[in-house]
Amino acid sequence: MNNFPTFADVLDARRVISRYLSRTSLYRYSGLCELLDCEVYVKHENHQPIGAFKVRGGINLLSRLTNGEKRKGVITASTGNHGQSIAYAAKLFGINATIVVPEKNNPDKVKAIERLGATIVEQGKDFDDARVHAEKLSVSKGYRYIHSANEPHLIAGVGTIGLEIVEDCPAVDVIFVPVGGGSGASGTSLAAKTVKPAIDVIGVQSEQAPAAYLSWKSGKALSSDRMETFAEGLATRVGFEMTVAMMKKNLSDFVLVSDDEIRHAMKLLLEHTHNLVEGAGAASLAGALKMKEKLKGRTVAMTLSGANVTLSTLHSIVHH
């Protein structure tokens, strides 16, 4: 299945994932409604067993590997949540997993991956260095390489988020989704727009790491030298073919926010929802605040994609 995922794939992914994961909550918060002057719902992917949305895609993909692929094991590169997703699913299905992470990666996320039983390999200064190394190792060791974005089953898996949002809140007009590699935005927009074509799905990325945004604007996968965001989940240096094409087709808009705006949104979510939020997870609210004037009177859902924030980052946010 090298072709693009379809809505039928999302429905099939839901059938698989529902055996292993509970549906996440979609809650309305009056404080956020007041703040944005519209109806606001938060999709709590931070309540997944790994604290992030990507576990949906990991379970959907690994459940479909051939017996030969399962025996050989899998490898991927990650700064954290994608790695935890693959490690979690690998443990579930009894598959050996190797996760390549950058050398100075978030230590909490590295420990979390190790706790799930995966082997950690440290290589390079950022995600893209780690990704290149993982690709080489997959060839030399015969592992099944799992790309963090160009994987139809990953995208279909996380697409179930869009399906759940539209089912739980049929009145929804706009969905804000954080963008790193773009699997979440691609899957969510595919599912939501199939069920409700008039819906606007809006991607949000840090202006400190704008590769996916630049790719979306041009319609082809581009790289960016700029990648300085503190939000690991948004920190990619290149756009990926499959997700860029899907976002170009299905996103109504794509906004860039500053790291300070993301930090402010983390604090607001902590205050109004009493939920722990990582930088990428708060990007949705940061984007909505930036587009506040266009949201009046509309019903807005935002994906709180993850909660894996270090104590030191949390401390700096609270005392900012």
Protein backbone atom coordinates (compact mmCIF):
# COMPACT_ATOMS: atom_id res chain seq x y z
CA MET A 1 0.00 0.00 0.00
CA ASN A 2 2.29 2.78 -1.26
CA ASN A 3 -0.66 4.79 -2.50
CA PHE A 4 -2.45 7.47 -0.52
CA PRO A 5 -4.77 6.42 2.31
CA THR A 6 -8.50 6.70 1.67
CA PHE A 7 -11.49 7.25 3.93
CA ALA A 8 -12.14 3.49 3.73
CA ASP A 9 -8.65 2.99 5.22
CA VAL A 10 -9.56 5.32 8.11
CA LEU A 11 -12.71 3.30 8.81
CA ASP A 12 -10.69 0.08 8.68
CA ALA A 13 -8.08 1.62 11.01
CA ARG A 14 -10.83 2.45 13.49
CA ARG A 15 -11.93 -1.19 13.50
CA VAL A 16 -8.37 -2.28 14.41
CA ILE A 17 -7.53 0.50 16.86
CA SER A 18 -10.77 0.19 18.85
CA ARG A 19 -9.59 -3.21 20.12
CA TYR A 20 -6.60 -1.60 21.85
CA LEU A 21 -7.42 2.06 22.58
CA SER A 22 -10.36 3.86 24.18
CA ARG A 23 -12.00 6.77 22.36
CA THR A 24 -10.54 10.07 23.67
CA SER A 25 -12.73 12.82 25.12
CA LEU A 26 -13.88 15.95 23.30
CA TYR A 27 -14.67 18.55 25.95
CA ARG A 28 -16.10 22.08 25.76
CA TYR A 29 -14.31 24.61 27.98
CA SER A 30 -16.19 27.81 28.82
CA GLY A 31 -12.93 29.66 29.63
CA LEU A 32 -11.59 28.97 26.13
CA CYS A 33 -14.98 29.87 24.59
CA GLU A 34 -14.76 33.23 26.33
CA LEU A 35 -11.14 33.70 25.28
CA LEU A 36 -11.86 33.03 21.59
CA ASP A 37 -15.44 34.36 21.50
CA CYS A 38 -16.77 31.15 19.92
CA GLU A 39 -17.66 27.56 20.83
CA VAL A 40 -14.45 25.67 21.66
CA TYR A 41 -13.91 21.94 22.08
CA VAL A 42 -10.62 20.23 22.93
CA LYS A 43 -9.81 16.73 21.62
CA HIS A 44 -7.77 15.08 24.38
CA GLU A 45 -5.14 13.01 22.61
CA ASN A 46 -2.94 13.77 25.63
CA HIS A 47 -4.99 11.06 27.40
CA GLN A 48 -3.63 8.27 25.18
CA PRO A 49 -1.50 5.62 26.98
CA ILE A 50 1.72 7.23 25.64
CA GLY A 51 0.38 10.75 26.20
CA ALA A 52 0.15 11.49 22.45
CA PHE A 53 -2.00 10.94 19.35
CA LYS A 54 0.57 8.98 17.34
CA VAL A 55 -0.16 5.69 19.10
CA ARG A 56 -3.21 5.32 16.84
CA GLY A 57 -1.00 5.13 13.76
CA GLY A 58 1.58 2.86 15.39
CA ILE A 59 -1.03 0.27 16.34
CA ASN A 60 -2.73 0.41 12.94
CA LEU A 61 0.55 -0.05 11.03
CA LEU A 62 2.23 -2.71 13.18
CA SER A 63 -0.93 -4.81 13.38
CA ARG A 64 -0.72 -5.20 9.58
CA LEU A 65 2.93 -6.25 9.17
CA THR A 66 3.60 -9.63 7.58
CA ASN A 67 4.93 -12.44 9.77
CA GLY A 68 8.31 -12.02 8.07
CA GLU A 69 8.42 -8.30 8.86
CA LYS A 70 7.40 -8.99 12.47
CA ARG A 71 10.23 -11.53 12.85
CA LYS A 72 12.85 -9.16 11.43
CA GLY A 73 11.78 -6.24 13.60
CA VAL A 74 11.16 -2.57 12.86
CA ILE A 75 13.21 0.63 12.97
CA THR A 76 12.25 4.28 12.92
CA ALA A 77 13.59 7.72 13.82
CA SER A 78 11.90 10.02 16.30
CA THR A 79 12.34 12.87 18.77
CA GLY A 80 9.79 11.21 21.03
CA ASN A 81 6.09 10.66 20.42
CA HIS A 82 6.38 8.73 17.15
CA GLY A 83 9.10 6.58 18.77
CA GLN A 84 6.89 5.90 21.78
CA SER A 85 4.03 5.01 19.45
CA ILE A 86 6.10 2.43 17.55
CA ALA A 87 7.62 1.08 20.78
CA TYR A 88 4.16 0.76 22.39
CA ALA A 89 2.69 -1.05 19.38
CA ALA A 90 5.77 -3.27 19.02
CA LYS A 91 5.39 -4.38 22.64
CA LEU A 92 1.70 -5.06 22.04
CA PHE A 93 2.43 -7.33 19.07
CA GLY A 94 5.70 -8.89 20.30
CA ILE A 95 7.94 -7.19 17.71
CA ASN A 96 11.51 -5.97 18.29
CA ALA A 97 11.75 -2.21 17.71
CA THR A 98 14.80 0.05 17.32
CA ILE A 99 14.30 3.81 17.67
CA VAL A 100 16.98 6.22 16.44
CA VAL A 101 16.92 9.53 18.34
CA PRO A 102 19.10 12.67 18.09
CA GLU A 103 22.06 12.74 20.49
CA LYS A 104 20.73 15.54 22.71
CA ASN A 105 17.13 14.40 22.67
CA ASN A 106 14.55 15.11 25.39
CA PRO A 107 15.75 12.64 28.08
CA ASP A 108 12.24 12.03 29.42
CA LYS A 109 11.05 10.91 25.99
CA VAL A 110 14.10 8.63 25.57
CA LYS A 111 13.39 6.99 28.95
CA ALA A 112 9.73 6.56 28.03
CA ILE A 113 10.68 4.76 24.79
CA GLU A 114 13.11 2.50 26.67
CA ARG A 115 10.48 1.66 29.28
CA LEU A 116 8.32 0.31 26.46
CA GLY A 117 11.06 -2.15 25.60
CA ALA A 118 12.53 -0.62 22.43
CA THR A 119 16.27 -0.37 21.69
CA ILE A 120 17.55 3.22 21.53
CA VAL A 121 20.27 4.32 19.10
CA GLU A 122 21.52 7.91 19.47
CA GLN A 123 22.72 9.56 16.25
CA GLY A 124 23.03 13.09 14.90
CA LYS A 125 22.09 16.57 16.01
CA ASP A 126 18.40 16.55 15.03
CA PHE A 127 15.50 14.45 13.79
CA ASP A 128 16.61 14.50 10.16
CA ASP A 129 20.10 13.20 11.01
CA ALA A 130 18.49 10.40 13.03
CA ARG A 131 16.13 9.61 10.15
CA VAL A 132 18.97 9.20 7.64
CA HIS A 133 20.78 6.87 10.06
CA ALA A 134 17.63 4.79 10.63
CA GLU A 135 17.21 4.37 6.86
CA LYS A 136 20.81 3.10 6.56
CA LEU A 137 20.40 0.67 9.47
CA SER A 138 17.18 -0.71 8.01
CA VAL A 139 19.09 -1.70 4.87
CA SER A 140 22.12 -3.19 6.65
CA LYS A 141 20.08 -5.08 9.29
CA GLY A 142 17.01 -6.00 7.26
CA TYR A 143 14.55 -4.22 9.56
CA ARG A 144 11.20 -2.88 8.30
CA TYR A 145 11.81 0.87 8.14
CA ILE A 146 8.87 2.97 9.33
CA HIS A 147 8.78 6.50 7.98
CA SER A 148 7.26 9.02 10.40
CA ALA A 149 5.00 10.54 7.73
CA ASN A 150 4.98 8.73 4.37
CA GLU A 151 3.14 5.67 5.74
CA PRO A 152 -0.49 5.27 4.61
CA HIS A 153 -1.41 3.09 7.62
CA LEU A 154 0.05 5.63 10.07
CA ILE A 155 -1.95 8.43 8.45
CA ALA A 156 -5.14 6.35 8.33
CA GLY A 157 -4.65 5.47 12.01
CA VAL A 158 -4.35 9.06 13.20
CA GLY A 159 -7.15 10.00 10.78
CA THR A 160 -9.55 8.38 13.24
CA ILE A 161 -9.16 11.58 15.31
CA GLY A 162 -11.00 13.57 12.63
CA LEU A 163 -13.70 10.93 12.46
CA GLU A 164 -14.29 11.04 16.23
CA ILE A 165 -14.38 14.85 16.34
CA VAL A 166 -17.06 15.11 13.65
CA GLU A 167 -19.11 12.27 15.20
CA ASP A 168 -18.95 13.73 18.72
CA CYS A 169 -19.57 17.32 17.61
CA PRO A 170 -21.52 17.36 14.32
CA ALA A 171 -21.76 21.17 14.53
CA VAL A 172 -17.99 21.63 14.25
CA ASP A 173 -16.95 24.19 11.61
CA VAL A 174 -13.20 24.41 12.14
CA ILE A 175 -10.51 22.01 13.40
CA PHE A 176 -7.01 23.21 14.33
CA VAL A 177 -4.26 20.59 14.10
CA PRO A 178 -0.54 20.92 14.98
CA VAL A 179 1.87 20.05 12.15
CA GLY A 180 5.34 18.51 12.36
CA GLY A 181 5.68 15.80 9.72
CA GLY A 182 2.02 16.25 8.88
CA SER A 183 0.50 12.81 9.55
CA GLY A 184 -2.01 14.21 12.07
CA ALA A 185 -3.16 17.05 9.83
CA SER A 186 -3.30 14.79 6.74
CA GLY A 187 -5.33 12.07 8.44
CA THR A 188 -7.62 14.41 10.38
CA SER A 189 -8.43 16.52 7.31
CA LEU A 190 -9.03 13.44 5.12
CA ALA A 191 -11.55 11.98 7.58
CA ALA A 192 -13.25 15.23 8.63
CA LYS A 193 -13.69 16.58 5.09
CA THR A 194 -15.05 13.28 3.81
CA VAL A 195 -17.76 13.28 6.49
CA LYS A 196 -18.35 17.05 6.39
CA PRO A 197 -16.96 18.64 3.18
CA ALA A 198 -17.66 22.23 4.33
CA ILE A 199 -15.38 21.90 7.37
CA ASP A 200 -12.18 23.96 7.59
CA VAL A 201 -9.12 22.09 8.85
CA ILE A 202 -6.25 24.42 9.67
CA GLY A 203 -2.63 23.38 10.23
CA VAL A 204 -0.39 25.13 12.76
CA GLN A 205 3.41 25.05 12.88
CA SER A 206 6.11 27.03 14.68
CA GLU A 207 7.66 29.81 12.62
CA GLN A 208 10.96 28.55 14.09
CA ALA A 209 10.53 25.31 12.06
CA PRO A 210 8.45 26.17 8.96
CA ALA A 211 9.38 23.33 6.54
CA ALA A 212 5.89 21.79 6.33
CA TYR A 213 4.28 25.24 6.02
CA LEU A 214 6.61 26.23 3.16
CA SER A 215 5.97 22.86 1.51
CA TRP A 216 2.20 23.34 1.83
CA LYS A 217 2.39 26.81 0.29
CA SER A 218 4.41 25.60 -2.69
CA GLY A 219 2.62 22.27 -3.05
CA LYS A 220 5.84 20.27 -3.05
CA ALA A 221 8.14 18.90 -0.32
CA LEU A 222 10.70 21.58 0.57
CA SER A 223 13.37 21.81 3.24
CA SER A 224 14.09 24.73 5.55
CA ASP A 225 17.39 25.64 7.22
CA ARG A 226 15.41 27.06 10.10
CA MET A 227 14.62 24.58 12.85
CA GLU A 228 15.03 26.15 16.26
CA THR A 229 11.70 25.53 17.98
CA PHE A 230 11.55 24.17 21.54
CA ALA A 231 8.45 22.17 20.52
CA GLU A 232 9.97 18.83 19.49
CA GLY A 233 6.75 17.61 17.88
CA LEU A 234 6.89 20.48 15.37
CA ALA A 235 10.63 20.29 14.70
CA THR A 236 11.11 18.94 11.19
CA ARG A 237 13.54 20.34 8.62
CA VAL A 238 11.85 18.88 5.53
CA GLY A 239 8.36 18.38 4.17
CA PHE A 240 7.30 14.83 3.22
CA GLU A 241 5.73 13.99 -0.14
CA MET A 242 2.64 12.11 0.99
CA THR A 243 1.58 14.41 3.82
CA VAL A 244 2.36 17.59 1.86
CA ALA A 245 0.14 16.43 -1.03
CA MET A 246 -2.68 15.47 1.35
CA MET A 247 -2.46 18.75 3.29
CA LYS A 248 -2.40 20.75 0.05
CA LYS A 249 -5.62 19.05 -0.98
CA ASN A 250 -7.50 19.13 2.34
CA LEU A 251 -6.27 22.00 4.55
CA SER A 252 -8.21 25.25 4.26
CA ASP A 253 -5.39 27.25 5.80
CA PHE A 254 -2.03 26.89 7.53
CA VAL A 255 -0.69 29.36 10.08
CA LEU A 256 2.69 29.94 11.66
CA VAL A 257 2.95 30.89 15.34
CA SER A 258 5.93 32.02 17.40
CA ASP A 259 7.43 29.89 20.16
CA ASP A 260 6.31 32.56 22.64
CA GLU A 261 2.73 32.21 21.38
CA ILE A 262 3.01 28.44 21.87
CA ARG A 263 4.31 28.91 25.43
CA HIS A 264 1.44 31.29 26.18
CA ALA A 265 -1.04 28.71 24.81
CA MET A 266 0.50 25.98 27.02
CA LYS A 267 -0.11 28.18 30.04
CA LEU A 268 -3.68 28.99 28.99
CA LEU A 269 -4.51 25.30 28.48
CA LEU A 270 -3.07 24.47 31.88
CA GLU A 271 -5.18 27.24 33.39
CA HIS A 272 -8.48 26.58 31.56
CA THR A 273 -8.44 22.79 31.09
CA HIS A 274 -6.08 21.72 33.92
CA ASN A 275 -4.25 19.53 31.42
CA LEU A 276 -0.54 19.13 30.93
CA VAL A 277 0.36 20.12 27.37
CA GLU A 278 3.59 19.87 25.36
CA GLY A 279 4.55 22.60 22.88
CA ALA A 280 3.17 20.83 19.81
CA GLY A 281 -0.06 20.09 21.68
CA ALA A 282 -0.60 23.78 22.42
CA ALA A 283 0.04 24.89 18.83
CA SER A 284 -3.67 24.39 17.97
CA LEU A 285 -4.75 26.98 20.54
CA ALA A 286 -1.91 29.33 19.52
CA GLY A 287 -3.17 29.14 15.92
CA ALA A 288 -6.79 29.72 16.95
CA LEU A 289 -5.80 32.80 18.98
CA LYS A 290 -3.95 34.15 15.94
CA MET A 291 -7.11 33.71 13.81
CA LYS A 292 -9.56 34.80 16.51
CA GLU A 293 -11.31 37.43 14.35
CA LYS A 294 -12.27 34.81 11.75
CA LEU A 295 -13.71 32.41 14.33
CA LYS A 296 -16.53 34.51 15.79
CA GLY A 297 -19.76 32.56 16.03
CA ARG A 298 -18.19 29.35 14.75
CA THR A 299 -17.72 25.99 16.46
CA VAL A 300 -14.06 25.16 16.82
CA ALA A 301 -12.30 21.93 17.78
CA MET A 302 -8.59 21.75 18.53
CA THR A 303 -6.40 18.70 18.82
CA LEU A 304 -4.40 18.65 22.03
CA SER A 305 -1.94 16.24 20.41
CA GLY A 306 0.34 15.43 23.33
CA ALA A 307 1.32 15.97 26.96
CA ASN A 308 4.96 14.89 26.99
CA VAL A 309 6.58 18.01 28.39
CA THR A 310 9.70 18.02 30.59
CA LEU A 311 9.47 19.39 34.13
CA SER A 312 12.08 22.06 33.30
CA THR A 313 10.01 23.30 30.30
CA LEU A 314 6.86 23.25 32.42
CA HIS A 315 8.63 25.23 35.15
CA SER A 316 9.74 27.87 32.64
CA ILE A 317 6.18 28.14 31.21
CA VAL A 318 4.54 28.58 34.61
CA HIS A 319 7.06 31.22 35.69
CA HIS A 320 7.22 32.93 32.28
